[in-house]
PDB file of N, CA and C in Angstrom:
ATOM      1  N   UNK A   1     -48.170 -46.152  66.551  1.00  0.00           N
ATOM      2  CA  UNK A   1     -47.860 -44.999  66.061  1.00  0.00           C
ATOM      3  C   UNK A   1     -48.645 -44.371  66.264  1.00  0.00           C
ATOM      4  N   UNK A   2     -49.806 -44.285  66.828  1.00  0.00           N
ATOM      5  CA  UNK A   2     -50.346 -43.039  66.676  1.00  0.00           C
ATOM      6  C   UNK A   2     -50.244 -41.973  68.192  1.00  0.00           C
ATOM      7  N   UNK A   3     -48.951 -42.789  68.534  1.00  0.00           N
ATOM      8  CA  UNK A   3     -48.808 -41.711  70.028  1.00  0.00           C
ATOM      9  C   UNK A   3     -47.548 -41.514  70.008  1.00  0.00           C
ATOM     10  N   UNK A   4     -46.507 -41.858  68.493  1.00  0.00           N
ATOM     11  CA  UNK A   4     -45.202 -41.335  68.755  1.00  0.00           C
ATOM     12  C   UNK A   4     -44.846 -39.911  68.345  1.00  0.00           C
ATOM     13  N   UNK A   5     -45.880 -39.530  67.509  1.00  0.00           N
ATOM     14  CA  UNK A   5     -45.288 -38.075  67.396  1.00  0.00           C
ATOM     15  C   UNK A   5     -45.654 -37.284  69.013  1.00  0.00           C
ATOM     16  N   UNK A   6     -46.287 -37.520  69.930  1.00  0.00           N
ATOM     17  CA  UNK A   6     -46.963 -36.857  70.826  1.00  0.00           C
ATOM     18  C   UNK A   6     -45.606 -37.452  71.745  1.00  0.00           C
ATOM     19  N   UNK A   7     -45.066 -38.459  71.866  1.00  0.00           N
ATOM     20  CA  UNK A   7     -44.042 -39.113  72.835  1.00  0.00           C
ATOM     21  C   UNK A   7     -43.027 -38.143  72.132  1.00  0.00           C
ATOM     22  N   UNK A   8     -42.161 -38.492  71.030  1.00  0.00           N
ATOM     23  CA  UNK A   8     -41.824 -37.021  70.232  1.00  0.00           C
ATOM     24  C   UNK A   8     -41.995 -36.178  71.176  1.00  0.00           C
ATOM     25  N   UNK A   9     -43.166 -35.707  71.053  1.00  0.00           N
ATOM     26  CA  UNK A   9     -42.689 -33.869  71.263  1.00  0.00           C
ATOM     27  C   UNK A   9     -42.879 -33.922  72.804  1.00  0.00           C
ATOM     28  N   UNK A  10     -43.190 -34.852  73.329  1.00  0.00           N
ATOM     29  CA  UNK A  10     -42.929 -34.678  74.972  1.00  0.00           C
ATOM     30  C   UNK A  10     -41.386 -34.601  75.046  1.00  0.00           C
ATOM     31  N   UNK A  11     -40.806 -35.696  74.306  1.00  0.00           N
ATOM     32  CA  UNK A  11     -39.308 -35.650  74.647  1.00  0.00           C
ATOM     33  C   UNK A  11     -38.564 -34.122  74.234  1.00  0.00           C
ATOM     34  N   UNK A  12     -39.169 -34.273  72.962  1.00  0.00           N
ATOM     35  CA  UNK A  12     -38.116 -33.029  72.553  1.00  0.00           C
ATOM     36  C   UNK A  12     -38.367 -31.726  73.176  1.00  0.00           C
ATOM     37  N   UNK A  13     -39.361 -31.836  74.425  1.00  0.00           N
ATOM     38  CA  UNK A  13     -39.803 -30.416  75.228  1.00  0.00           C
ATOM     39  C   UNK A  13     -38.898 -30.608  76.527  1.00  0.00           C
ATOM     40  N   UNK A  14     -38.694 -32.164  77.136  1.00  0.00           N
ATOM     41  CA  UNK A  14     -37.653 -32.457  78.208  1.00  0.00           C
ATOM     42  C   UNK A  14     -36.522 -32.212  77.402  1.00  0.00           C
ATOM     43  N   UNK A  15     -35.604 -32.511  76.641  1.00  0.00           N
ATOM     44  CA  UNK A  15     -34.748 -31.921  76.189  1.00  0.00           C
ATOM     45  C   UNK A  15     -34.408 -30.812  76.242  1.00  0.00           C
ATOM     46  N   UNK A  16     -35.326 -29.697  75.693  1.00  0.00           N
ATOM     47  CA  UNK A  16     -34.871 -28.357  75.527  1.00  0.00           C
ATOM     48  C   UNK A  16     -34.913 -27.882  77.088  1.00  0.00           C
ATOM     49  N   UNK A  17     -36.492 -28.618  78.094  1.00  0.00           N
ATOM     50  CA  UNK A  17     -35.737 -28.086  79.506  1.00  0.00           C
ATOM     51  C   UNK A  17     -34.350 -28.070  79.999  1.00  0.00           C
ATOM     52  N   UNK A  18     -33.433 -29.634  79.599  1.00  0.00           N
ATOM     53  CA  UNK A  18     -32.467 -30.380  80.198  1.00  0.00           C
ATOM     54  C   UNK A  18     -31.734 -28.961  79.455  1.00  0.00           C
ATOM     55  N   UNK A  19     -31.723 -28.636  78.691  1.00  0.00           N
ATOM     56  CA  UNK A  19     -30.604 -27.775  77.900  1.00  0.00           C
ATOM     57  C   UNK A  19     -31.014 -26.709  78.173  1.00  0.00           C
ATOM     58  N   UNK A  20     -32.107 -25.783  78.326  1.00  0.00           N
ATOM     59  CA  UNK A  20     -31.572 -25.015  78.680  1.00  0.00           C
ATOM     60  C   UNK A  20     -31.265 -24.794  80.456  1.00  0.00           C
ATOM     61  N   UNK A  21     -31.652 -25.648  80.634  1.00  0.00           N
ATOM     62  CA  UNK A  21     -31.180 -25.836  82.570  1.00  0.00           C
ATOM     63  C   UNK A  21     -29.634 -25.780  82.739  1.00  0.00           C
ATOM     64  N   UNK A  22     -29.214 -26.653  81.604  1.00  0.00           N
ATOM     65  CA  UNK A  22     -27.818 -26.873  81.746  1.00  0.00           C
ATOM     66  C   UNK A  22     -26.974 -25.837  81.681  1.00  0.00           C
ATOM     67  N   UNK A  23     -27.353 -24.825  80.768  1.00  0.00           N
ATOM     68  CA  UNK A  23     -26.809 -23.467  80.089  1.00  0.00           C
ATOM     69  C   UNK A  23     -26.465 -22.507  80.960  1.00  0.00           C
ATOM     70  N   UNK A  24     -27.286 -22.830  82.123  1.00  0.00           N
ATOM     71  CA  UNK A  24     -27.256 -21.977  83.467  1.00  0.00           C
ATOM     72  C   UNK A  24     -25.931 -22.126  83.889  1.00  0.00           C
ATOM     73  N   UNK A  25     -25.019 -21.066  84.608  1.00  0.00           N
ATOM     74  CA  UNK A  25     -23.972 -21.424  85.396  1.00  0.00           C
ATOM     75  C   UNK A  25     -24.061 -21.829  86.340  1.00  0.00           C
ATOM     76  N   UNK A  26     -24.239 -22.676  87.656  1.00  0.00           N
ATOM     77  CA  UNK A  26     -24.727 -23.090  88.478  1.00  0.00           C
ATOM     78  C   UNK A  26     -24.857 -22.534  90.144  1.00  0.00           C
ATOM     79  N   UNK A  27     -23.691 -21.289  89.755  1.00  0.00           N
ATOM     80  CA  UNK A  27     -23.199 -20.362  90.697  1.00  0.00           C
ATOM     81  C   UNK A  27     -24.335 -19.008  90.371  1.00  0.00           C
ATOM     82  N   UNK A  28     -23.997 -18.501  89.726  1.00  0.00           N
ATOM     83  CA  UNK A  28     -25.295 -17.775  88.898  1.00  0.00           C
ATOM     84  C   UNK A  28     -27.276 -17.758  89.504  1.00  0.00           C
ATOM     85  N   UNK A  29     -27.082 -16.564  90.086  1.00  0.00           N
ATOM     86  CA  UNK A  29     -28.665 -16.369  90.695  1.00  0.00           C
ATOM     87  C   UNK A  29     -29.906 -16.254  89.668  1.00  0.00           C
ATOM     88  N   UNK A  30     -30.912 -16.928  89.907  1.00  0.00           N
ATOM     89  CA  UNK A  30     -31.867 -16.826  88.906  1.00  0.00           C
ATOM     90  C   UNK A  30     -32.907 -15.241  89.071  1.00  0.00           C
ATOM     91  N   UNK A  31     -32.121 -14.732  88.300  1.00  0.00           N
ATOM     92  CA  UNK A  31     -33.435 -13.562  88.725  1.00  0.00           C
ATOM     93  C   UNK A  31     -34.403 -13.546  87.410  1.00  0.00           C
ATOM     94  N   UNK A  32     -35.379 -12.423  87.953  1.00  0.00           N
ATOM     95  CA  UNK A  32     -37.007 -12.625  86.900  1.00  0.00           C
ATOM     96  C   UNK A  32     -36.043 -12.334  85.278  1.00  0.00           C
ATOM     97  N   UNK A  33     -35.085 -11.429  84.966  1.00  0.00           N
ATOM     98  CA  UNK A  33     -34.895 -11.712  83.682  1.00  0.00           C
ATOM     99  C   UNK A  33     -34.818 -13.045  82.710  1.00  0.00           C
ATOM    100  N   UNK A  34     -34.292 -14.308  83.885  1.00  0.00           N
ATOM    101  CA  UNK A  34     -33.899 -14.996  83.697  1.00  0.00           C
ATOM    102  C   UNK A  34     -34.982 -16.218  83.439  1.00  0.00           C
ATOM    103  N   UNK A  35     -36.040 -16.143  84.632  1.00  0.00           N
ATOM    104  CA  UNK A  35     -37.300 -16.856  84.353  1.00  0.00           C
ATOM    105  C   UNK A  35     -38.067 -16.225  83.017  1.00  0.00           C
ATOM    106  N   UNK A  36     -37.866 -15.172  82.811  1.00  0.00           N
ATOM    107  CA  UNK A  36     -39.360 -14.092  82.009  1.00  0.00           C
ATOM    108  C   UNK A  36     -38.600 -15.259  80.455  1.00  0.00           C
ATOM    109  N   UNK A  37     -36.713 -15.318  80.237  1.00  0.00           N
ATOM    110  CA  UNK A  37     -36.750 -15.484  78.946  1.00  0.00           C
ATOM    111  C   UNK A  37     -36.706 -17.008  78.566  1.00  0.00           C
ATOM    112  N   UNK A  38     -37.088 -17.742  79.709  1.00  0.00           N
ATOM    113  CA  UNK A  38     -36.897 -19.449  79.421  1.00  0.00           C
ATOM    114  C   UNK A  38     -38.655 -19.455  79.665  1.00  0.00           C
ATOM    115  N   UNK A  39     -39.816 -18.868  80.248  1.00  0.00           N
ATOM    116  CA  UNK A  39     -41.200 -18.361  79.801  1.00  0.00           C
ATOM    117  C   UNK A  39     -40.848 -18.340  78.578  1.00  0.00           C
ATOM    118  N   UNK A  40     -40.540 -17.407  77.984  1.00  0.00           N
ATOM    119  CA  UNK A  40     -40.709 -17.111  76.437  1.00  0.00           C
ATOM    120  C   UNK A  40     -40.368 -18.504  75.720  1.00  0.00           C
ATOM    121  N   UNK A  41     -38.950 -19.166  75.952  1.00  0.00           N
ATOM    122  CA  UNK A  41     -39.140 -19.952  75.217  1.00  0.00           C
ATOM    123  C   UNK A  41     -39.635 -21.237  74.786  1.00  0.00           C
ATOM    124  N   UNK A  42     -40.380 -21.334  76.543  1.00  0.00           N
ATOM    125  CA  UNK A  42     -41.401 -22.636  77.121  1.00  0.00           C
ATOM    126  C   UNK A  42     -42.544 -22.544  75.713  1.00  0.00           C
ATOM    127  N   UNK A  43     -43.620 -21.206  75.776  1.00  0.00           N
ATOM    128  CA  UNK A  43     -44.542 -20.332  75.269  1.00  0.00           C
ATOM    129  C   UNK A  43     -44.035 -20.576  73.884  1.00  0.00           C
ATOM    130  N   UNK A  44     -43.048 -20.416  73.156  1.00  0.00           N
ATOM    131  CA  UNK A  44     -42.723 -21.199  71.622  1.00  0.00           C
ATOM    132  C   UNK A  44     -42.896 -22.190  71.241  1.00  0.00           C
ATOM    133  N   UNK A  45     -41.895 -22.842  71.966  1.00  0.00           N
ATOM    134  CA  UNK A  45     -42.307 -24.940  72.050  1.00  0.00           C
ATOM    135  C   UNK A  45     -43.086 -25.025  71.855  1.00  0.00           C
ATOM    136  N   UNK A  46     -44.438 -24.612  73.018  1.00  0.00           N
ATOM    137  CA  UNK A  46     -45.275 -25.246  73.496  1.00  0.00           C
ATOM    138  C   UNK A  46     -45.890 -24.642  72.088  1.00  0.00           C
ATOM    139  N   UNK A  47     -46.173 -23.717  71.289  1.00  0.00           N
ATOM    140  CA  UNK A  47     -46.909 -23.124  70.740  1.00  0.00           C
ATOM    141  C   UNK A  47     -46.651 -23.970  69.196  1.00  0.00           C
ATOM    142  N   UNK A  48     -45.394 -24.099  68.834  1.00  0.00           N
ATOM    143  CA  UNK A  48     -45.107 -25.032  68.016  1.00  0.00           C
ATOM    144  C   UNK A  48     -45.366 -26.646  67.921  1.00  0.00           C
ATOM    145  N   UNK A  49     -45.537 -26.988  68.866  1.00  0.00           N
ATOM    146  CA  UNK A  49     -45.731 -28.562  68.738  1.00  0.00           C
ATOM    147  C   UNK A  49     -47.581 -28.358  68.868  1.00  0.00           C
ATOM    148  N   UNK A  50     -48.493 -27.520  69.409  1.00  0.00           N
ATOM    149  CA  UNK A  50     -49.330 -27.448  69.584  1.00  0.00           C
ATOM    150  C   UNK A  50     -49.824 -27.116  67.977  1.00  0.00           C
ATOM    151  N   UNK A  51     -49.256 -26.491  67.214  1.00  0.00           N
ATOM    152  CA  UNK A  51     -49.309 -26.442  65.804  1.00  0.00           C
ATOM    153  C   UNK A  51     -49.028 -27.635  64.507  1.00  0.00           C
ATOM    154  N   UNK A  52     -48.228 -28.422  65.265  1.00  0.00           N
ATOM    155  CA  UNK A  52     -47.998 -29.756  65.020  1.00  0.00           C
ATOM    156  C   UNK A  52     -49.258 -30.311  65.019  1.00  0.00           C
ATOM    157  N   UNK A  53     -49.277 -30.659  66.112  1.00  0.00           N
ATOM    158  CA  UNK A  53     -51.106 -31.057  66.434  1.00  0.00           C
ATOM    159  C   UNK A  53     -51.479 -30.902  65.341  1.00  0.00           C
ATOM    160  N   UNK A  54     -52.186 -29.844  65.473  1.00  0.00           N
ATOM    161  CA  UNK A  54     -52.716 -29.094  64.767  1.00  0.00           C
ATOM    162  C   UNK A  54     -53.004 -29.932  63.274  1.00  0.00           C
ATOM    163  N   UNK A  55     -51.980 -29.831  62.581  1.00  0.00           N
ATOM    164  CA  UNK A  55     -51.461 -30.202  61.321  1.00  0.00           C
ATOM    165  C   UNK A  55     -51.771 -31.605  60.754  1.00  0.00           C
ATOM    166  N   UNK A  56     -51.801 -32.194  62.741  1.00  0.00           N
ATOM    167  CA  UNK A  56     -52.238 -33.384  62.440  1.00  0.00           C
ATOM    168  C   UNK A  56     -53.954 -33.850  62.500  1.00  0.00           C
ATOM    169  N   UNK A  57     -54.406 -33.154  62.746  1.00  0.00           N
ATOM    170  CA  UNK A  57     -56.061 -32.770  63.005  1.00  0.00           C
ATOM    171  C   UNK A  57     -55.700 -33.832  64.466  1.00  0.00           C
ATOM    172  N   UNK A  58     -55.101 -33.687  65.246  1.00  0.00           N
ATOM    173  CA  UNK A  58     -55.021 -33.801  66.482  1.00  0.00           C
ATOM    174  C   UNK A  58     -55.347 -32.241  67.762  1.00  0.00           C
ATOM    175  N   UNK A  59     -56.864 -32.164  67.288  1.00  0.00           N
ATOM    176  CA  UNK A  59     -57.327 -31.272  68.090  1.00  0.00           C
ATOM    177  C   UNK A  59     -57.121 -30.892  69.646  1.00  0.00           C
ATOM    178  N   UNK A  60     -57.602 -31.770  70.213  1.00  0.00           N
ATOM    179  CA  UNK A  60     -57.196 -32.048  71.369  1.00  0.00           C
ATOM    180  C   UNK A  60     -56.114 -31.258  72.236  1.00  0.00           C
ATOM    181  N   UNK A  61     -54.732 -32.507  71.402  1.00  0.00           N
ATOM    182  CA  UNK A  61     -53.334 -32.183  71.980  1.00  0.00           C
ATOM    183  C   UNK A  61     -53.373 -31.275  71.499  1.00  0.00           C
ATOM    184  N   UNK A  62     -53.447 -30.395  70.527  1.00  0.00           N
ATOM    185  CA  UNK A  62     -53.476 -29.071  70.292  1.00  0.00           C
ATOM    186  C   UNK A  62     -53.282 -27.890  71.391  1.00  0.00           C
ATOM    187  N   UNK A  63     -54.657 -28.114  71.696  1.00  0.00           N
ATOM    188  CA  UNK A  63     -55.253 -26.756  72.598  1.00  0.00           C
ATOM    189  C   UNK A  63     -54.668 -26.909  73.916  1.00  0.00           C
ATOM    190  N   UNK A  64     -54.359 -27.746  74.089  1.00  0.00           N
ATOM    191  CA  UNK A  64     -53.611 -28.879  75.790  1.00  0.00           C
ATOM    192  C   UNK A  64     -52.215 -27.782  75.139  1.00  0.00           C
ATOM    193  N   UNK A  65     -51.873 -27.686  74.345  1.00  0.00           N
ATOM    194  CA  UNK A  65     -49.973 -26.992  73.714  1.00  0.00           C
ATOM    195  C   UNK A  65     -50.152 -25.895  73.977  1.00  0.00           C
ATOM    196  N   UNK A  66     -51.606 -25.056  73.010  1.00  0.00           N
ATOM    197  CA  UNK A  66     -51.908 -23.882  73.254  1.00  0.00           C
ATOM    198  C   UNK A  66     -52.096 -22.971  74.898  1.00  0.00           C
ATOM    199  N   UNK A  67     -52.539 -23.936  75.378  1.00  0.00           N
ATOM    200  CA  UNK A  67     -52.752 -23.577  76.298  1.00  0.00           C
ATOM    201  C   UNK A  67     -51.998 -23.612  77.702  1.00  0.00           C
ATOM    202  N   UNK A  68     -50.641 -24.177  77.703  1.00  0.00           N
ATOM    203  CA  UNK A  68     -49.490 -24.049  78.139  1.00  0.00           C
ATOM    204  C   UNK A  68     -48.768 -22.802  77.039  1.00  0.00           C
ATOM    205  N   UNK A  69     -48.572 -22.436  76.005  1.00  0.00           N
ATOM    206  CA  UNK A  69     -48.501 -21.333  75.400  1.00  0.00           C
ATOM    207  C   UNK A  69     -48.562 -19.998  76.377  1.00  0.00           C
ATOM    208  N   UNK A  70     -50.098 -20.370  76.021  1.00  0.00           N
ATOM    209  CA  UNK A  70     -50.609 -18.762  76.867  1.00  0.00           C
ATOM    210  C   UNK A  70     -50.148 -18.893  78.236  1.00  0.00           C
ATOM    211  N   UNK A  71     -50.080 -19.900  78.627  1.00  0.00           N
ATOM    212  CA  UNK A  71     -49.696 -19.918  80.344  1.00  0.00           C
ATOM    213  C   UNK A  71     -48.628 -19.145  80.193  1.00  0.00           C
ATOM    214  N   UNK A  72     -47.594 -19.266  79.322  1.00  0.00           N
ATOM    215  CA  UNK A  72     -45.760 -18.614  79.556  1.00  0.00           C
ATOM    216  C   UNK A  72     -46.013 -17.643  79.362  1.00  0.00           C
ATOM    217  N   UNK A  73     -46.758 -17.389  78.165  1.00  0.00           N
ATOM    218  CA  UNK A  73     -46.630 -16.160  77.050  1.00  0.00           C
ATOM    219  C   UNK A  73     -48.543 -15.559  76.952  1.00  0.00           C
ATOM    220  N   UNK A  74     -48.638 -14.514  77.930  1.00  0.00           N
ATOM    221  CA  UNK A  74     -50.277 -14.345  77.445  1.00  0.00           C
ATOM    222  C   UNK A  74     -50.071 -13.462  76.471  1.00  0.00           C
ATOM    223  N   UNK A  75     -49.673 -13.098  76.231  1.00  0.00           N
ATOM    224  CA  UNK A  75     -49.383 -12.227  74.785  1.00  0.00           C
ATOM    225  C   UNK A  75     -49.389 -12.579  73.279  1.00  0.00           C
ATOM    226  N   UNK A  76     -49.116 -13.879  73.683  1.00  0.00           N
ATOM    227  CA  UNK A  76     -49.425 -14.835  72.395  1.00  0.00           C
ATOM    228  C   UNK A  76     -50.212 -15.373  71.596  1.00  0.00           C
ATOM    229  N   UNK A  77     -50.595 -14.027  70.541  1.00  0.00           N
ATOM    230  CA  UNK A  77     -52.202 -14.139  70.132  1.00  0.00           C
ATOM    231  C   UNK A  77     -51.909 -15.234  69.122  1.00  0.00           C
ATOM    232  N   UNK A  78     -51.482 -15.524  68.537  1.00  0.00           N
ATOM    233  CA  UNK A  78     -51.397 -16.846  67.277  1.00  0.00           C
ATOM    234  C   UNK A  78     -51.843 -17.707  68.176  1.00  0.00           C
ATOM    235  N   UNK A  79     -51.230 -18.675  69.302  1.00  0.00           N
ATOM    236  CA  UNK A  79     -52.335 -19.171  70.309  1.00  0.00           C
ATOM    237  C   UNK A  79     -53.412 -19.338  70.474  1.00  0.00           C
ATOM    238  N   UNK A  80     -53.925 -18.121  71.019  1.00  0.00           N
ATOM    239  CA  UNK A  80     -55.146 -18.335  71.054  1.00  0.00           C
ATOM    240  C   UNK A  80     -55.958 -18.081  69.783  1.00  0.00           C
ATOM    241  N   UNK A  81     -55.437 -17.352  68.710  1.00  0.00           N
ATOM    242  CA  UNK A  81     -56.191 -17.693  67.633  1.00  0.00           C
ATOM    243  C   UNK A  81     -56.211 -19.152  66.881  1.00  0.00           C
ATOM    244  N   UNK A  82     -55.475 -19.681  67.150  1.00  0.00           N
ATOM    245  CA  UNK A  82     -55.037 -21.306  67.071  1.00  0.00           C
ATOM    246  C   UNK A  82     -55.517 -22.010  68.179  1.00  0.00           C
ATOM    247  N   UNK A  83     -56.293 -21.790  69.504  1.00  0.00           N
ATOM    248  CA  UNK A  83     -56.571 -22.237  70.188  1.00  0.00           C
ATOM    249  C   UNK A  83     -58.356 -22.327  69.334  1.00  0.00           C
ATOM    250  N   UNK A  84     -58.359 -20.989  69.226  1.00  0.00           N
ATOM    251  CA  UNK A  84     -59.821 -20.769  68.541  1.00  0.00           C
ATOM    252  C   UNK A  84     -60.400 -21.993  67.770  1.00  0.00           C
ATOM    253  N   UNK A  85     -59.336 -21.827  66.480  1.00  0.00           N
ATOM    254  CA  UNK A  85     -59.943 -22.890  65.338  1.00  0.00           C
ATOM    255  C   UNK A  85     -60.042 -24.338  65.963  1.00  0.00           C
ATOM    256  N   UNK A  86     -59.415 -24.893  66.652  1.00  0.00           N
ATOM    257  CA  UNK A  86     -59.148 -26.076  67.225  1.00  0.00           C
ATOM    258  C   UNK A  86     -60.573 -26.372  67.800  1.00  0.00           C
ATOM    259  N   UNK A  87     -60.545 -25.276  68.878  1.00  0.00           N
ATOM    260  CA  UNK A  87     -62.414 -25.511  69.391  1.00  0.00           C
ATOM    261  C   UNK A  87     -63.536 -25.272  68.327  1.00  0.00           C
ATOM    262  N   UNK A  88     -63.136 -24.600  67.492  1.00  0.00           N
ATOM    263  CA  UNK A  88     -64.210 -24.373  66.553  1.00  0.00           C
ATOM    264  C   UNK A  88     -64.482 -25.757  65.826  1.00  0.00           C
ATOM    265  N   UNK A  89     -62.960 -26.979  65.742  1.00  0.00           N
ATOM    266  CA  UNK A  89     -63.396 -27.671  64.160  1.00  0.00           C
ATOM    267  C   UNK A  89     -64.055 -28.768  65.743  1.00  0.00           C
ATOM    268  N   UNK A  90     -63.489 -28.841  67.146  1.00  0.00           N
ATOM    269  CA  UNK A  90     -64.378 -29.971  67.630  1.00  0.00           C
ATOM    270  C   UNK A  90     -65.857 -29.480  68.458  1.00  0.00           C
ATOM    271  N   UNK A  91     -66.511 -28.187  67.368  1.00  0.00           N
ATOM    272  CA  UNK A  91     -67.444 -27.763  67.969  1.00  0.00           C
ATOM    273  C   UNK A  91     -68.458 -27.728  69.405  1.00  0.00           C
ATOM    274  N   UNK A  92     -66.964 -26.989  69.773  1.00  0.00           N
ATOM    275  CA  UNK A  92     -66.659 -26.170  71.278  1.00  0.00           C
ATOM    276  C   UNK A  92     -66.876 -24.893  71.155  1.00  0.00           C
ATOM    277  N   UNK A  93     -66.874 -23.927  70.269  1.00  0.00           N
ATOM    278  CA  UNK A  93     -67.077 -22.902  70.187  1.00  0.00           C
ATOM    279  C   UNK A  93     -68.517 -22.395  69.786  1.00  0.00           C
TER     280      UNK A  93
END
């Protein structure tokens, strides 16, 4: 039961990635604009998965997702804020 929500989150991200890939026309070239949109979506999804882990007091898992959100969108200030909160809860700040 402990990892059910974690597995659910991973499956959700996998399905999201598959859905994004399937929406593309196979003949359409991948442009930098499309890649930026995909990165923004991934950042948002990882951010919300991190928030879910934060609400469950799963701070390490939350940090991992906030790190991924920051990787895909370094301007996502809420991810930095929430990561700092989690680090504080873990005594690492």
